[in-house]
Amino acid sequence: MSKDEIKYEINKVLDRFSDESLTDLLTFLKSVDDKQKGSIFSTRTLQKILSEDKDLLQKLAQ
């Protein structure tokens, strides 16, 4: 899947999020981005975080 296709799919999901959930998600993503700049932050680590917080992310999406 290309980067543009991934962004498109992410946007389809984000369209169902509430404004508050989007704000929380943006804050989370910015913190992940900040950590990447300060240290090596692997894709594997991000996958672990997302899988551990899957239930929370689903609740935020409601």
C-alpha atoms as a PDB file:
ATOM      1  CA  MET A   1       0.000   0.000   0.000  1.00  0.00           C
ATOM      2  CA  SER A   2       1.397   3.397  -0.927  1.00  0.00           C
ATOM      3  CA  LYS A   3       1.765   6.278   1.510  1.00  0.00           C
ATOM      4  CA  ASP A   4      -1.136   8.115  -0.153  1.00  0.00           C
ATOM      5  CA  GLU A   5      -3.364   5.041   0.083  1.00  0.00           C
ATOM      6  CA  ILE A   6      -2.517   4.644   3.767  1.00  0.00           C
ATOM      7  CA  LYS A   7      -3.298   8.306   4.438  1.00  0.00           C
ATOM      8  CA  TYR A   8      -6.604   7.932   2.605  1.00  0.00           C
ATOM      9  CA  GLU A   9      -7.581   4.899   4.701  1.00  0.00           C
ATOM     10  CA  ILE A  10      -6.556   6.650   7.922  1.00  0.00           C
ATOM     11  CA  ASN A  11      -8.662   9.677   6.973  1.00  0.00           C
ATOM     12  CA  LYS A  12     -11.700   7.464   6.371  1.00  0.00           C
ATOM     13  CA  VAL A  13     -11.388   6.156   9.924  1.00  0.00           C
ATOM     14  CA  LEU A  14     -10.669   9.584  11.404  1.00  0.00           C
ATOM     15  CA  ASP A  15     -13.840  10.970   9.832  1.00  0.00           C
ATOM     16  CA  ARG A  16     -15.798   8.880  12.349  1.00  0.00           C
ATOM     17  CA  PHE A  17     -13.909  10.267  15.403  1.00  0.00           C
ATOM     18  CA  SER A  18     -15.379  12.986  17.595  1.00  0.00           C
ATOM     19  CA  ASP A  19     -13.598  16.343  17.803  1.00  0.00           C
ATOM     20  CA  GLU A  20     -12.414  15.523  21.315  1.00  0.00           C
ATOM     21  CA  SER A  21     -11.059  12.148  20.215  1.00  0.00           C
ATOM     22  CA  LEU A  22      -9.235  13.746  17.305  1.00  0.00           C
ATOM     23  CA  THR A  23      -7.639  16.247  19.671  1.00  0.00           C
ATOM     24  CA  ASP A  24      -6.505  13.433  21.980  1.00  0.00           C
ATOM     25  CA  LEU A  25      -5.154  11.450  19.056  1.00  0.00           C
ATOM     26  CA  LEU A  26      -3.276  14.468  17.720  1.00  0.00           C
ATOM     27  CA  THR A  27      -1.695  15.017  21.129  1.00  0.00           C
ATOM     28  CA  PHE A  28      -0.648  11.365  21.231  1.00  0.00           C
ATOM     29  CA  LEU A  29       0.814  11.448  17.716  1.00  0.00           C
ATOM     30  CA  LYS A  30       2.759  14.609  18.491  1.00  0.00           C
ATOM     31  CA  SER A  31       4.219  12.965  21.592  1.00  0.00           C
ATOM     32  CA  VAL A  32       5.257   9.962  19.486  1.00  0.00           C
ATOM     33  CA  ASP A  33       6.838  12.322  16.956  1.00  0.00           C
ATOM     34  CA  ASP A  34       8.730  14.136  19.730  1.00  0.00           C
ATOM     35  CA  LYS A  35      10.045  10.808  21.036  1.00  0.00           C
ATOM     36  CA  GLN A  36      11.228   9.869  17.554  1.00  0.00           C
ATOM     37  CA  LYS A  37      13.305  13.027  17.398  1.00  0.00           C
ATOM     38  CA  GLY A  38      14.902  12.352  20.770  1.00  0.00           C
ATOM     39  CA  SER A  39      15.600   8.647  20.395  1.00  0.00           C
ATOM     40  CA  ILE A  40      15.206   5.664  18.126  1.00  0.00           C
ATOM     41  CA  PHE A  41      11.508   4.817  18.038  1.00  0.00           C
ATOM     42  CA  SER A  42      10.924   1.713  15.984  1.00  0.00           C
ATOM     43  CA  THR A  43       7.847   0.695  14.071  1.00  0.00           C
ATOM     44  CA  ARG A  44       7.700  -2.368  16.280  1.00  0.00           C
ATOM     45  CA  THR A  45       7.417  -0.150  19.362  1.00  0.00           C
ATOM     46  CA  LEU A  46       4.610   1.870  17.777  1.00  0.00           C
ATOM     47  CA  GLN A  47       2.761  -1.335  16.854  1.00  0.00           C
ATOM     48  CA  LYS A  48       3.064  -2.510  20.460  1.00  0.00           C
ATOM     49  CA  ILE A  49       1.674   0.781  21.788  1.00  0.00           C
ATOM     50  CA  LEU A  50      -1.240   0.729  19.349  1.00  0.00           C
ATOM     51  CA  SER A  51      -2.091  -2.904  20.070  1.00  0.00           C
ATOM     52  CA  GLU A  52      -1.939  -2.348  23.840  1.00  0.00           C
ATOM     53  CA  ASP A  53      -4.145   0.735  23.562  1.00  0.00           C
ATOM     54  CA  LYS A  54      -6.531  -0.719  20.978  1.00  0.00           C
ATOM     55  CA  ASP A  55      -9.492  -0.744  23.373  1.00  0.00           C
ATOM     56  CA  LEU A  56      -8.806   2.825  24.442  1.00  0.00           C
ATOM     57  CA  LEU A  57      -8.511   3.979  20.836  1.00  0.00           C
ATOM     58  CA  GLN A  58     -11.793   2.264  19.992  1.00  0.00           C
ATOM     59  CA  LYS A  59     -13.513   4.026  22.906  1.00  0.00           C
ATOM     60  CA  LEU A  60     -12.092   7.352  21.772  1.00  0.00           C
ATOM     61  CA  ALA A  61     -13.484   6.740  18.297  1.00  0.00           C
ATOM     62  CA  GLN A  62     -17.012   6.478  19.678  1.00  0.00           C
END
